[in-house]
Amino acid sequence: MKQMKKPNRYAAPLVITGITVAVLAKAYQLIFKKAAKAPTPRDHAHQSDTDKAEST
């Protein structure tokens, strides 16, 4: 039987690190960039109160 070759000592951790960084970067974009664009109800209420105060 043929013996299995050992994984490369340096390449394997670099590949795993690269994949992990890519996944985390994509998750950051999906979660935090969308959250920053969408106004929360609290922000909306505060903005409408400010508009009313300015119009009087």
PDB file of N, CA and C in Angstrom:
ATOM      1  N   MET A   1       0.837  -1.185   0.000  1.00  0.00           N
ATOM      2  CA  MET A   1       0.000   0.000   0.000  1.00  0.00           C
ATOM      3  C   MET A   1       0.877   1.242   0.000  1.00  0.00           C
ATOM      4  N   LYS A   2       0.370   2.253  -0.633  1.00  0.00           N
ATOM      5  CA  LYS A   2       1.096   3.505  -0.723  1.00  0.00           C
ATOM      6  C   LYS A   2       0.811   4.357   0.509  1.00  0.00           C
ATOM      7  N   GLN A   3       1.882   4.916   1.101  1.00  0.00           N
ATOM      8  CA  GLN A   3       1.696   5.763   2.272  1.00  0.00           C
ATOM      9  C   GLN A   3       1.187   7.137   1.860  1.00  0.00           C
ATOM     10  N   MET A   4       0.344   7.707   2.720  1.00  0.00           N
ATOM     11  CA  MET A   4      -0.163   9.041   2.441  1.00  0.00           C
ATOM     12  C   MET A   4       0.932  10.070   2.700  1.00  0.00           C
ATOM     13  N   LYS A   5       0.969  11.072   1.855  1.00  0.00           N
ATOM     14  CA  LYS A   5       1.961  12.125   1.970  1.00  0.00           C
ATOM     15  C   LYS A   5       1.542  13.090   3.080  1.00  0.00           C
ATOM     16  N   LYS A   6       2.518  13.571   3.868  1.00  0.00           N
ATOM     17  CA  LYS A   6       2.224  14.542   4.910  1.00  0.00           C
ATOM     18  C   LYS A   6       1.812  15.870   4.279  1.00  0.00           C
ATOM     19  N   PRO A   7       0.860  16.572   4.882  1.00  0.00           N
ATOM     20  CA  PRO A   7       0.497  17.884   4.340  1.00  0.00           C
ATOM     21  C   PRO A   7       1.659  18.864   4.529  1.00  0.00           C
ATOM     22  N   ASN A   8       1.736  19.814   3.642  1.00  0.00           N
ATOM     23  CA  ASN A   8       2.795  20.805   3.712  1.00  0.00           C
ATOM     24  C   ASN A   8       2.681  21.593   5.013  1.00  0.00           C
ATOM     25  N   ARG A   9       3.805  21.758   5.675  1.00  0.00           N
ATOM     26  CA  ARG A   9       3.826  22.389   6.990  1.00  0.00           C
ATOM     27  C   ARG A   9       3.438  23.867   6.934  1.00  0.00           C
ATOM     28  N   TYR A  10       3.709  24.540   5.832  1.00  0.00           N
ATOM     29  CA  TYR A  10       3.468  25.980   5.744  1.00  0.00           C
ATOM     30  C   TYR A  10       2.260  26.335   4.881  1.00  0.00           C
ATOM     31  N   ALA A  11       2.011  25.599   3.849  1.00  0.00           N
ATOM     32  CA  ALA A  11       0.936  25.951   2.923  1.00  0.00           C
ATOM     33  C   ALA A  11      -0.448  25.714   3.538  1.00  0.00           C
ATOM     34  N   ALA A  12      -0.626  24.625   4.235  1.00  0.00           N
ATOM     35  CA  ALA A  12      -1.949  24.297   4.778  1.00  0.00           C
ATOM     36  C   ALA A  12      -2.458  25.365   5.754  1.00  0.00           C
ATOM     37  N   PRO A  13      -1.659  25.809   6.735  1.00  0.00           N
ATOM     38  CA  PRO A  13      -2.160  26.864   7.623  1.00  0.00           C
ATOM     39  C   PRO A  13      -2.452  28.180   6.891  1.00  0.00           C
ATOM     40  N   LEU A  14      -1.660  28.492   5.866  1.00  0.00           N
ATOM     41  CA  LEU A  14      -1.915  29.718   5.102  1.00  0.00           C
ATOM     42  C   LEU A  14      -3.226  29.635   4.336  1.00  0.00           C
ATOM     43  N   VAL A  15      -3.517  28.482   3.779  1.00  0.00           N
ATOM     44  CA  VAL A  15      -4.774  28.309   3.046  1.00  0.00           C
ATOM     45  C   VAL A  15      -5.958  28.415   4.010  1.00  0.00           C
ATOM     46  N   ILE A  16      -5.852  27.768   5.147  1.00  0.00           N
ATOM     47  CA  ILE A  16      -6.932  27.813   6.141  1.00  0.00           C
ATOM     48  C   ILE A  16      -7.130  29.239   6.644  1.00  0.00           C
ATOM     49  N   THR A  17      -6.037  29.957   6.895  1.00  0.00           N
ATOM     50  CA  THR A  17      -6.126  31.344   7.351  1.00  0.00           C
ATOM     51  C   THR A  17      -6.773  32.222   6.289  1.00  0.00           C
ATOM     52  N   GLY A  18      -6.401  32.024   5.039  1.00  0.00           N
ATOM     53  CA  GLY A  18      -6.985  32.811   3.961  1.00  0.00           C
ATOM     54  C   GLY A  18      -8.475  32.592   3.823  1.00  0.00           C
ATOM     55  N   ILE A  19      -8.894  31.367   3.917  1.00  0.00           N
ATOM     56  CA  ILE A  19     -10.325  31.054   3.834  1.00  0.00           C
ATOM     57  C   ILE A  19     -11.072  31.676   5.009  1.00  0.00           C
ATOM     58  N   THR A  20     -10.505  31.572   6.204  1.00  0.00           N
ATOM     59  CA  THR A  20     -11.145  32.127   7.397  1.00  0.00           C
ATOM     60  C   THR A  20     -11.289  33.643   7.288  1.00  0.00           C
ATOM     61  N   VAL A  21     -10.237  34.316   6.848  1.00  0.00           N
ATOM     62  CA  VAL A  21     -10.288  35.771   6.711  1.00  0.00           C
ATOM     63  C   VAL A  21     -11.334  36.167   5.671  1.00  0.00           C
ATOM     64  N   ALA A  22     -11.409  35.449   4.582  1.00  0.00           N
ATOM     65  CA  ALA A  22     -12.394  35.760   3.544  1.00  0.00           C
ATOM     66  C   ALA A  22     -13.820  35.599   4.064  1.00  0.00           C
ATOM     67  N   VAL A  23     -14.076  34.541   4.806  1.00  0.00           N
ATOM     68  CA  VAL A  23     -15.415  34.309   5.358  1.00  0.00           C
ATOM     69  C   VAL A  23     -15.776  35.398   6.362  1.00  0.00           C
ATOM     70  N   LEU A  24     -14.841  35.753   7.241  1.00  0.00           N
ATOM     71  CA  LEU A  24     -15.116  36.797   8.230  1.00  0.00           C
ATOM     72  C   LEU A  24     -15.331  38.157   7.568  1.00  0.00           C
ATOM     73  N   ALA A  25     -14.574  38.466   6.528  1.00  0.00           N
ATOM     74  CA  ALA A  25     -14.747  39.734   5.827  1.00  0.00           C
ATOM     75  C   ALA A  25     -16.119  39.797   5.158  1.00  0.00           C
ATOM     76  N   LYS A  26     -16.541  38.715   4.561  1.00  0.00           N
ATOM     77  CA  LYS A  26     -17.853  38.684   3.913  1.00  0.00           C
ATOM     78  C   LYS A  26     -18.978  38.809   4.945  1.00  0.00           C
ATOM     79  N   ALA A  27     -18.818  38.140   6.082  1.00  0.00           N
ATOM     80  CA  ALA A  27     -19.828  38.243   7.149  1.00  0.00           C
ATOM     81  C   ALA A  27     -19.905  39.671   7.670  1.00  0.00           C
ATOM     82  N   TYR A  28     -18.762  40.327   7.809  1.00  0.00           N
ATOM     83  CA  TYR A  28     -18.745  41.718   8.262  1.00  0.00           C
ATOM     84  C   TYR A  28     -19.505  42.603   7.282  1.00  0.00           C
ATOM     85  N   GLN A  29     -19.261  42.397   6.000  1.00  0.00           N
ATOM     86  CA  GLN A  29     -19.956  43.203   4.998  1.00  0.00           C
ATOM     87  C   GLN A  29     -21.462  42.985   5.060  1.00  0.00           C
ATOM     88  N   LEU A  30     -21.874  41.746   5.183  1.00  0.00           N
ATOM     89  CA  LEU A  30     -23.303  41.450   5.171  1.00  0.00           C
ATOM     90  C   LEU A  30     -24.007  41.970   6.418  1.00  0.00           C
ATOM     91  N   ILE A  31     -23.365  41.837   7.573  1.00  0.00           N
ATOM     92  CA  ILE A  31     -24.024  42.186   8.826  1.00  0.00           C
ATOM     93  C   ILE A  31     -23.930  43.675   9.109  1.00  0.00           C
ATOM     94  N   PHE A  32     -22.726  44.219   9.132  1.00  0.00           N
ATOM     95  CA  PHE A  32     -22.535  45.574   9.623  1.00  0.00           C
ATOM     96  C   PHE A  32     -22.802  46.638   8.575  1.00  0.00           C
ATOM     97  N   LYS A  33     -22.537  46.387   7.333  1.00  0.00           N
ATOM     98  CA  LYS A  33     -22.791  47.396   6.303  1.00  0.00           C
ATOM     99  C   LYS A  33     -24.292  47.571   6.092  1.00  0.00           C
ATOM    100  N   LYS A  34     -25.053  46.483   6.120  1.00  0.00           N
ATOM    101  CA  LYS A  34     -26.505  46.593   5.984  1.00  0.00           C
ATOM    102  C   LYS A  34     -27.111  47.248   7.212  1.00  0.00           C
ATOM    103  N   ALA A  35     -26.582  46.944   8.388  1.00  0.00           N
ATOM    104  CA  ALA A  35     -27.106  47.528   9.620  1.00  0.00           C
ATOM    105  C   ALA A  35     -26.859  49.031   9.646  1.00  0.00           C
ATOM    106  N   ALA A  36     -25.765  49.477   9.091  1.00  0.00           N
ATOM    107  CA  ALA A  36     -25.456  50.907   9.073  1.00  0.00           C
ATOM    108  C   ALA A  36     -26.374  51.646   8.105  1.00  0.00           C
ATOM    109  N   LYS A  37     -26.789  51.001   7.017  1.00  0.00           N
ATOM    110  CA  LYS A  37     -27.652  51.657   6.036  1.00  0.00           C
ATOM    111  C   LYS A  37     -29.088  51.769   6.526  1.00  0.00           C
ATOM    112  N   ALA A  38     -29.584  50.752   7.198  1.00  0.00           N
ATOM    113  CA  ALA A  38     -30.981  50.721   7.617  1.00  0.00           C
ATOM    114  C   ALA A  38     -31.170  51.541   8.899  1.00  0.00           C
ATOM    115  N   PRO A  39     -31.990  52.581   8.863  1.00  0.00           N
ATOM    116  CA  PRO A  39     -32.219  53.359  10.080  1.00  0.00           C
ATOM    117  C   PRO A  39     -33.068  52.565  11.073  1.00  0.00           C
ATOM    118  N   THR A  40     -32.757  52.696  12.321  1.00  0.00           N
ATOM    119  CA  THR A  40     -33.529  52.004  13.341  1.00  0.00           C
ATOM    120  C   THR A  40     -34.782  52.819  13.648  1.00  0.00           C
ATOM    121  N   PRO A  41     -35.805  52.211  14.195  1.00  0.00           N
ATOM    122  CA  PRO A  41     -37.021  52.967  14.531  1.00  0.00           C
ATOM    123  C   PRO A  41     -36.725  54.091  15.518  1.00  0.00           C
ATOM    124  N   ARG A  42     -35.790  53.888  16.393  1.00  0.00           N
ATOM    125  CA  ARG A  42     -35.439  54.923  17.368  1.00  0.00           C
ATOM    126  C   ARG A  42     -34.838  56.145  16.658  1.00  0.00           C
ATOM    127  N   ASP A  43     -33.958  55.908  15.689  1.00  0.00           N
ATOM    128  CA  ASP A  43     -33.379  57.005  14.933  1.00  0.00           C
ATOM    129  C   ASP A  43     -34.450  57.750  14.147  1.00  0.00           C
ATOM    130  N   HIS A  44     -35.380  57.011  13.579  1.00  0.00           N
ATOM    131  CA  HIS A  44     -36.442  57.619  12.786  1.00  0.00           C
ATOM    132  C   HIS A  44     -37.328  58.497  13.668  1.00  0.00           C
ATOM    133  N   ALA A  45     -37.668  58.029  14.848  1.00  0.00           N
ATOM    134  CA  ALA A  45     -38.502  58.802  15.764  1.00  0.00           C
ATOM    135  C   ALA A  45     -37.763  60.062  16.203  1.00  0.00           C
ATOM    136  N   HIS A  46     -36.492  59.938  16.466  1.00  0.00           N
ATOM    137  CA  HIS A  46     -35.699  61.094  16.886  1.00  0.00           C
ATOM    138  C   HIS A  46     -35.621  62.118  15.759  1.00  0.00           C
ATOM    139  N   GLN A  47     -35.504  61.666  14.537  1.00  0.00           N
ATOM    140  CA  GLN A  47     -35.407  62.558  13.397  1.00  0.00           C
ATOM    141  C   GLN A  47     -36.730  63.293  13.196  1.00  0.00           C
ATOM    142  N   SER A  48     -37.857  62.626  13.336  1.00  0.00           N
ATOM    143  CA  SER A  48     -39.148  63.289  13.136  1.00  0.00           C
ATOM    144  C   SER A  48     -39.406  64.286  14.254  1.00  0.00           C
ATOM    145  N   ASP A  49     -38.946  64.018  15.478  1.00  0.00           N
ATOM    146  CA  ASP A  49     -39.089  64.983  16.558  1.00  0.00           C
ATOM    147  C   ASP A  49     -38.257  66.231  16.280  1.00  0.00           C
ATOM    148  N   THR A  50     -37.093  66.048  15.742  1.00  0.00           N
ATOM    149  CA  THR A  50     -36.226  67.177  15.408  1.00  0.00           C
ATOM    150  C   THR A  50     -36.847  68.002  14.298  1.00  0.00           C
ATOM    151  N   ASP A  51     -37.447  67.360  13.319  1.00  0.00           N
ATOM    152  CA  ASP A  51     -38.100  68.075  12.218  1.00  0.00           C
ATOM    153  C   ASP A  51     -39.266  68.898  12.738  1.00  0.00           C
ATOM    154  N   LYS A  52     -40.050  68.368  13.665  1.00  0.00           N
ATOM    155  CA  LYS A  52     -41.190  69.108  14.229  1.00  0.00           C
ATOM    156  C   LYS A  52     -40.727  70.328  14.999  1.00  0.00           C
ATOM    157  N   ALA A  53     -39.645  70.170  15.757  1.00  0.00           N
ATOM    158  CA  ALA A  53     -39.127  71.278  16.550  1.00  0.00           C
ATOM    159  C   ALA A  53     -38.602  72.396  15.648  1.00  0.00           C
ATOM    160  N   GLU A  54     -37.997  72.042  14.520  1.00  0.00           N
ATOM    161  CA  GLU A  54     -37.466  73.037  13.610  1.00  0.00           C
ATOM    162  C   GLU A  54     -38.578  73.793  12.873  1.00  0.00           C
ATOM    163  N   SER A  55     -39.694  73.142  12.603  1.00  0.00           N
ATOM    164  CA  SER A  55     -40.762  73.772  11.847  1.00  0.00           C
ATOM    165  C   SER A  55     -41.580  74.747  12.689  1.00  0.00           C
ATOM    166  N   THR A  56     -41.509  74.665  14.004  1.00  0.00           N
ATOM    167  CA  THR A  56     -42.282  75.577  14.856  1.00  0.00           C
ATOM    168  C   THR A  56     -41.504  76.804  15.219  1.00  0.00           C
TER     169      THR A  56
END
